[in-house]
Amino acid sequence: MPPEVLAALACAHCGAGLAPAGGALRCDQGHGFDVAREGYASLLTGRRPAGTGDTADMVAARQAFQEAGHYAPLARRISALTGEYAPAGGLVADIGAGTGRYLAAVLDDHPGAAGLALDVSKYALRRAAKAHPRAGAAACDAWRGLPMRDGTAAVLLNVFAPRDGAEFHRVLRPDGALIVAGPTTRHLAELTGALGLVTVDPRKEERMGRTLGERFAREHREELDVPLLLPHGDIATAVGMGPSARHLSAADLAERIAALPDPAPVTASFLVTVHRPRPIPHSPTAHRSPR
């Protein structure tokens, strides 16, 4: 794990710094965390809620779809905004990083930066840990707090992932930037009705404003539409990597896809925003260790 990444990690029990101890990480209070043979640190504590994190099949589908380049325009845009809004160098932390694809794209374009991929899925982390030589990866449940020291991230990426405004504000530098990307209501709309997919909440942006507004000021907003022409195999992969994979049987999905043109015109549609942390008086209870 790169030293810049290790320096940013915090004990998930007490918030102290971590140091290597054989095949593990340990804080000066004696709390220890295993490092998997694939290279990611397991900083989860307590029992993980059932149904959280991407399954092995979902991760494999996401990897295949990303490697086909369908969402490459989003990766390029996130990297460009990082260069425009974020301080040079420093740590880029991707919250809900999945396979680490977007983090790797940023690190490729910004050679002075190091990266940290955080996710709850061990299947995703096995890939994220190898996504880039200047990146490390750790398992955590973002809803329970981030295993990072205060003010250690120059950039936070949040792509199709949960958001905790208080924790994001705690770990981000005062001059840092939070870059959020998610679907608009037009995302894969050509497939949503035809295949019975989970729809995007039309009030999603409003909910994001409530989550982040108290601690962050939005500096940039854009919508990015990417026209795609997807063969049936890639349509099945796109469904398999998202939440609809949990609700559709393989037989039903195959029957519905067969009724579509091959290839089928589809629109990928993303909302991308950039936020700056607002100054908030220091609170002695600002750190919230995961439990």
Protein backbone atom coordinates (compact mmCIF):
# COMPACT_ATOMS: atom_id res chain seq x y z
CA MET A 1 0.00 0.00 0.00
CA PRO A 2 1.50 3.41 -0.96
CA PRO A 3 2.78 5.37 2.07
CA GLU A 4 0.52 8.37 1.29
CA VAL A 5 -2.48 6.06 1.46
CA LEU A 6 -1.38 4.33 4.66
CA ALA A 7 -0.86 7.71 6.33
CA ALA A 8 -4.49 8.63 5.63
CA LEU A 9 -6.03 5.48 7.09
CA ALA A 10 -7.47 5.44 10.60
CA CYS A 11 -8.31 2.65 13.00
CA ALA A 12 -11.96 1.74 12.58
CA HIS A 13 -12.31 1.37 16.36
CA CYS A 14 -10.54 4.41 17.84
CA GLY A 15 -9.53 6.64 14.92
CA ALA A 16 -5.77 6.39 15.57
CA GLY A 17 -3.25 6.02 12.77
CA LEU A 18 -2.31 2.60 11.40
CA ALA A 19 1.05 1.00 10.69
CA PRO A 20 2.08 -2.29 9.04
CA ALA A 21 2.44 -5.24 11.41
CA GLY A 22 3.36 -8.35 9.48
CA GLY A 23 0.43 -9.21 7.23
CA ALA A 24 -1.84 -6.77 9.01
CA LEU A 25 -2.31 -3.14 10.03
CA ARG A 26 -2.30 -2.14 13.68
CA CYS A 27 -2.85 1.05 15.69
CA ASP A 28 -0.97 2.04 18.85
CA GLN A 29 -3.98 0.97 20.92
CA GLY A 30 -3.52 -2.60 19.75
CA HIS A 31 -6.43 -2.86 17.31
CA GLY A 32 -5.48 -4.99 14.31
CA PHE A 33 -6.85 -5.45 10.79
CA ASP A 34 -5.96 -8.13 8.27
CA VAL A 35 -4.59 -7.36 4.82
CA ALA A 36 -6.04 -9.79 2.28
CA ARG A 37 -3.70 -11.62 -0.05
CA GLU A 38 -5.19 -9.57 -2.91
CA GLY A 39 -3.76 -6.45 -1.24
CA TYR A 40 -6.70 -4.65 0.37
CA ALA A 41 -7.03 -3.93 4.09
CA SER A 42 -10.15 -5.17 5.86
CA LEU A 43 -11.27 -2.25 8.05
CA LEU A 44 -14.85 -3.45 8.51
CA THR A 45 -16.05 -3.79 12.09
CA GLY A 46 -19.16 -5.47 13.48
CA ARG A 47 -21.60 -7.48 11.44
CA ARG A 48 -22.18 -6.38 7.88
CA PRO A 49 -25.89 -5.93 7.03
CA ALA A 50 -27.23 -8.61 4.68
CA GLY A 51 -27.51 -7.65 1.02
CA THR A 52 -24.85 -4.91 1.09
CA GLY A 53 -22.05 -4.71 -1.41
CA ASP A 54 -21.83 -5.95 -4.97
CA THR A 55 -21.78 -9.70 -5.52
CA ALA A 56 -19.07 -11.49 -7.50
CA ASP A 57 -21.35 -11.62 -10.57
CA MET A 58 -22.21 -7.91 -10.33
CA VAL A 59 -18.54 -6.98 -10.07
CA ALA A 60 -17.60 -9.17 -13.03
CA ALA A 61 -20.37 -7.55 -15.08
CA ARG A 62 -19.22 -4.05 -14.10
CA GLN A 63 -15.62 -4.86 -15.01
CA ALA A 64 -16.66 -6.19 -18.41
CA PHE A 65 -18.92 -3.23 -19.17
CA GLN A 66 -16.27 -0.71 -18.14
CA GLU A 67 -13.55 -2.46 -20.10
CA ALA A 68 -15.76 -2.20 -23.19
CA GLY A 69 -15.38 1.59 -22.82
CA HIS A 70 -19.06 2.47 -22.58
CA TYR A 71 -18.60 4.80 -19.60
CA ALA A 72 -15.16 6.08 -20.61
CA PRO A 73 -16.54 9.60 -21.30
CA LEU A 74 -17.64 9.82 -17.67
CA ALA A 75 -14.20 8.74 -16.45
CA ARG A 76 -12.54 11.37 -18.64
CA ARG A 77 -14.89 14.07 -17.39
CA ILE A 78 -14.29 13.20 -13.74
CA SER A 79 -10.55 13.34 -14.33
CA ALA A 80 -10.81 16.70 -16.11
CA LEU A 81 -12.85 18.18 -13.25
CA THR A 82 -10.29 16.89 -10.78
CA GLY A 83 -7.62 18.87 -12.59
CA GLU A 84 -9.82 21.96 -12.75
CA TYR A 85 -11.15 22.09 -9.19
CA ALA A 86 -8.85 20.07 -6.95
CA PRO A 87 -5.48 20.98 -5.44
CA ALA A 88 -2.55 19.43 -7.27
CA GLY A 89 -1.18 16.19 -5.85
CA GLY A 90 -2.45 14.81 -2.60
CA LEU A 91 -4.76 11.91 -1.95
CA VAL A 92 -7.77 11.05 -4.12
CA ALA A 93 -10.22 8.87 -2.16
CA ASP A 94 -13.01 7.11 -4.02
CA ILE A 95 -15.95 6.30 -1.73
CA GLY A 96 -17.82 3.28 -3.07
CA ALA A 97 -15.03 2.75 -5.59
CA GLY A 98 -16.19 -0.56 -7.01
CA THR A 99 -13.47 -1.94 -9.26
CA GLY A 100 -11.44 1.30 -9.00
CA ARG A 101 -11.90 2.20 -12.65
CA TYR A 102 -12.69 5.90 -12.13
CA LEU A 103 -9.96 6.30 -9.52
CA ALA A 104 -7.42 4.76 -11.88
CA ALA A 105 -8.44 7.14 -14.66
CA VAL A 106 -7.82 10.12 -12.37
CA LEU A 107 -4.45 8.78 -11.23
CA ASP A 108 -3.38 8.14 -14.83
CA ASP A 109 -3.94 11.83 -15.63
CA HIS A 110 -2.54 13.22 -12.38
CA PRO A 111 0.87 11.65 -11.71
CA GLY A 112 1.43 13.57 -8.45
CA ALA A 113 -1.60 12.02 -6.75
CA ALA A 114 -2.11 8.82 -4.79
CA GLY A 115 -5.43 6.99 -4.51
CA LEU A 116 -7.53 5.17 -1.94
CA ALA A 117 -10.43 2.93 -2.99
CA LEU A 118 -13.05 2.29 -0.29
CA ASP A 119 -15.87 -0.21 -0.77
CA VAL A 120 -17.86 -2.75 1.21
CA SER A 121 -17.62 -5.53 -1.42
CA LYS A 122 -14.63 -7.85 -1.16
CA TYR A 123 -15.18 -8.85 -4.78
CA ALA A 124 -14.84 -5.25 -5.92
CA LEU A 125 -11.84 -4.62 -3.66
CA ARG A 126 -9.92 -7.56 -5.09
CA ARG A 127 -9.92 -5.66 -8.37
CA ALA A 128 -9.60 -2.15 -6.93
CA ALA A 129 -6.46 -3.14 -5.01
CA LYS A 130 -4.79 -3.80 -8.37
CA ALA A 131 -6.39 -0.97 -10.33
CA HIS A 132 -3.36 1.34 -10.17
CA PRO A 133 0.19 1.17 -8.75
CA ARG A 134 -0.33 4.42 -6.79
CA ALA A 135 -3.57 3.26 -5.19
CA GLY A 136 -4.47 1.26 -2.11
CA ALA A 137 -7.82 -0.26 -1.16
CA ALA A 138 -9.70 -0.90 2.06
CA ALA A 139 -13.00 -2.50 3.04
CA CYS A 140 -15.43 -0.29 4.92
CA ASP A 141 -19.15 0.38 5.22
CA ALA A 142 -19.55 4.02 4.20
CA TRP A 143 -22.82 4.26 6.16
CA ARG A 144 -20.92 3.54 9.39
CA GLY A 145 -18.11 6.06 8.89
CA LEU A 146 -14.92 6.28 6.86
CA PRO A 147 -11.66 4.77 8.21
CA MET A 148 -9.69 7.90 7.35
CA ARG A 149 -7.95 10.55 9.42
CA ASP A 150 -9.37 14.08 9.47
CA GLY A 151 -8.53 16.34 6.51
CA THR A 152 -6.40 13.82 4.62
CA ALA A 153 -8.13 13.80 1.21
CA ALA A 154 -7.47 16.43 -1.45
CA VAL A 155 -10.26 14.96 -3.59
CA LEU A 156 -13.24 12.75 -2.84
CA LEU A 157 -14.87 10.84 -5.68
CA ASN A 158 -18.40 9.52 -5.23
CA VAL A 159 -19.66 7.71 -8.32
CA PHE A 160 -22.96 5.81 -8.12
CA ALA A 161 -22.34 5.37 -4.39
CA PRO A 162 -23.69 6.32 -0.93
CA ARG A 163 -23.08 9.81 0.45
CA ASP A 164 -22.51 10.90 4.04
CA GLY A 165 -22.04 14.66 4.12
CA ALA A 166 -20.64 14.80 7.65
CA GLU A 167 -17.99 12.16 7.00
CA PHE A 168 -17.08 13.58 3.61
CA HIS A 169 -16.55 16.98 5.23
CA ARG A 170 -14.45 15.49 8.03
CA VAL A 171 -11.94 13.68 5.79
CA LEU A 172 -11.68 16.32 3.05
CA ARG A 173 -9.09 19.10 3.18
CA PRO A 174 -10.53 22.62 3.51
CA ASP A 175 -9.23 23.42 0.00
CA GLY A 176 -10.34 20.07 -1.41
CA ALA A 177 -13.11 19.09 -3.81
CA LEU A 178 -15.90 16.54 -3.71
CA ILE A 179 -16.87 15.22 -7.16
CA VAL A 180 -20.18 13.37 -7.32
CA ALA A 181 -21.52 11.46 -10.32
CA GLY A 182 -24.80 9.57 -10.61
CA PRO A 183 -27.56 8.78 -13.06
CA THR A 184 -30.17 11.22 -14.33
CA THR A 185 -33.73 10.05 -14.94
CA ARG A 186 -32.74 9.55 -18.61
CA HIS A 187 -30.05 7.01 -17.76
CA LEU A 188 -30.63 3.83 -19.78
CA ALA A 189 -34.25 4.95 -20.20
CA GLU A 190 -34.61 2.95 -23.41
CA LEU A 191 -34.07 -0.20 -21.35
CA THR A 192 -35.91 0.70 -18.15
CA GLY A 193 -39.46 0.12 -19.31
CA ALA A 194 -38.69 -2.63 -21.82
CA LEU A 195 -36.77 -4.74 -19.31
CA GLY A 196 -38.51 -3.75 -16.07
CA LEU A 197 -35.40 -2.20 -14.51
CA VAL A 198 -35.19 -0.24 -11.27
CA THR A 199 -35.91 3.42 -12.07
CA VAL A 200 -33.98 6.48 -10.92
CA ASP A 201 -35.72 8.52 -8.23
CA PRO A 202 -36.72 11.84 -9.89
CA ARG A 203 -35.98 13.62 -6.59
CA LYS A 204 -32.47 12.16 -6.35
CA GLU A 205 -30.77 15.52 -6.92
CA GLU A 206 -32.99 17.15 -4.30
CA ARG A 207 -32.03 14.47 -1.78
CA MET A 208 -28.35 15.00 -2.57
CA GLY A 209 -28.79 18.71 -1.84
CA ARG A 210 -30.21 17.89 1.59
CA THR A 211 -27.39 15.43 2.29
CA LEU A 212 -24.56 17.77 1.31
CA GLY A 213 -25.97 21.31 1.50
CA GLU A 214 -25.21 22.04 5.14
CA ARG A 215 -21.51 21.24 4.83
CA PHE A 216 -20.78 21.77 1.12
CA ALA A 217 -21.29 24.50 -1.47
CA ARG A 218 -21.89 23.34 -5.02
CA GLU A 219 -19.54 25.02 -7.48
CA HIS A 220 -20.32 23.14 -10.66
CA ARG A 221 -23.17 21.15 -12.19
CA GLU A 222 -23.42 19.47 -15.57
CA GLU A 223 -25.32 16.69 -17.29
CA LEU A 224 -23.40 14.33 -19.55
CA ASP A 225 -25.33 12.26 -22.09
CA VAL A 226 -23.48 9.47 -23.91
CA PRO A 227 -25.21 7.77 -26.87
CA LEU A 228 -24.49 4.04 -26.97
CA LEU A 229 -25.25 1.25 -29.41
CA LEU A 230 -25.36 -1.90 -27.30
CA PRO A 231 -25.49 -5.48 -28.58
CA HIS A 232 -27.64 -7.84 -26.57
CA GLY A 233 -24.67 -9.24 -24.67
CA ASP A 234 -23.67 -5.80 -23.43
CA ILE A 235 -27.26 -5.02 -22.44
CA ALA A 236 -27.29 -8.11 -20.25
CA THR A 237 -23.99 -7.00 -18.74
CA ALA A 238 -25.32 -3.50 -18.05
CA VAL A 239 -28.30 -4.95 -16.20
CA GLY A 240 -26.12 -7.43 -14.34
CA MET A 241 -23.90 -4.77 -12.81
CA GLY A 242 -26.70 -2.72 -11.25
CA PRO A 243 -29.45 -3.10 -8.65
CA SER A 244 -31.85 -4.66 -11.15
CA ALA A 245 -29.63 -7.75 -11.12
CA ARG A 246 -31.12 -8.59 -7.73
CA HIS A 247 -34.71 -8.45 -9.01
CA LEU A 248 -34.75 -10.15 -12.42
CA SER A 249 -34.33 -13.84 -13.17
CA ALA A 250 -31.91 -14.78 -15.94
CA ALA A 251 -34.72 -16.34 -17.97
CA ASP A 252 -36.99 -13.29 -17.76
CA LEU A 253 -34.11 -10.96 -18.63
CA ALA A 254 -33.06 -13.02 -21.65
CA GLU A 255 -36.62 -13.10 -22.98
CA ARG A 256 -37.03 -9.33 -22.65
CA ILE A 257 -33.64 -8.56 -24.20
CA ALA A 258 -34.43 -10.81 -27.17
CA ALA A 259 -37.35 -8.52 -28.04
CA LEU A 260 -35.05 -5.50 -28.43
CA PRO A 261 -33.17 -4.47 -31.60
CA ASP A 262 -29.66 -5.91 -31.78
CA PRO A 263 -27.77 -3.67 -31.33
CA ALA A 264 -30.07 -1.29 -29.49
CA PRO A 265 -29.62 2.51 -29.21
CA VAL A 266 -29.31 3.44 -25.52
CA THR A 267 -28.45 6.67 -23.71
CA ALA A 268 -26.16 6.75 -20.69
CA SER A 269 -26.97 9.95 -18.79
CA PHE A 270 -25.03 11.27 -15.82
CA LEU A 271 -25.32 14.19 -13.43
CA VAL A 272 -21.86 15.39 -12.36
CA THR A 273 -21.38 17.99 -9.62
CA VAL A 274 -18.41 19.51 -7.79
CA HIS A 275 -18.65 20.70 -4.19
CA ARG A 276 -16.39 22.64 -1.83
CA PRO A 277 -16.43 22.12 1.94
CA ARG A 278 -17.98 24.98 3.91
CA PRO A 279 -16.06 26.21 6.95
CA ILE A 280 -17.69 24.74 10.04
CA PRO A 281 -16.49 25.36 13.62
CA HIS A 282 -14.41 22.47 14.92
CA SER A 283 -16.29 19.95 17.01
CA PRO A 284 -14.44 17.73 19.49
CA THR A 285 -16.72 14.88 18.41
CA ALA A 286 -16.09 15.39 14.69
CA HIS A 287 -14.45 11.99 14.22
CA ARG A 288 -16.89 9.14 13.90
CA SER A 289 -15.18 5.76 13.83
CA PRO A 290 -16.96 2.98 11.96
CA ARG A 291 -18.71 0.43 14.17
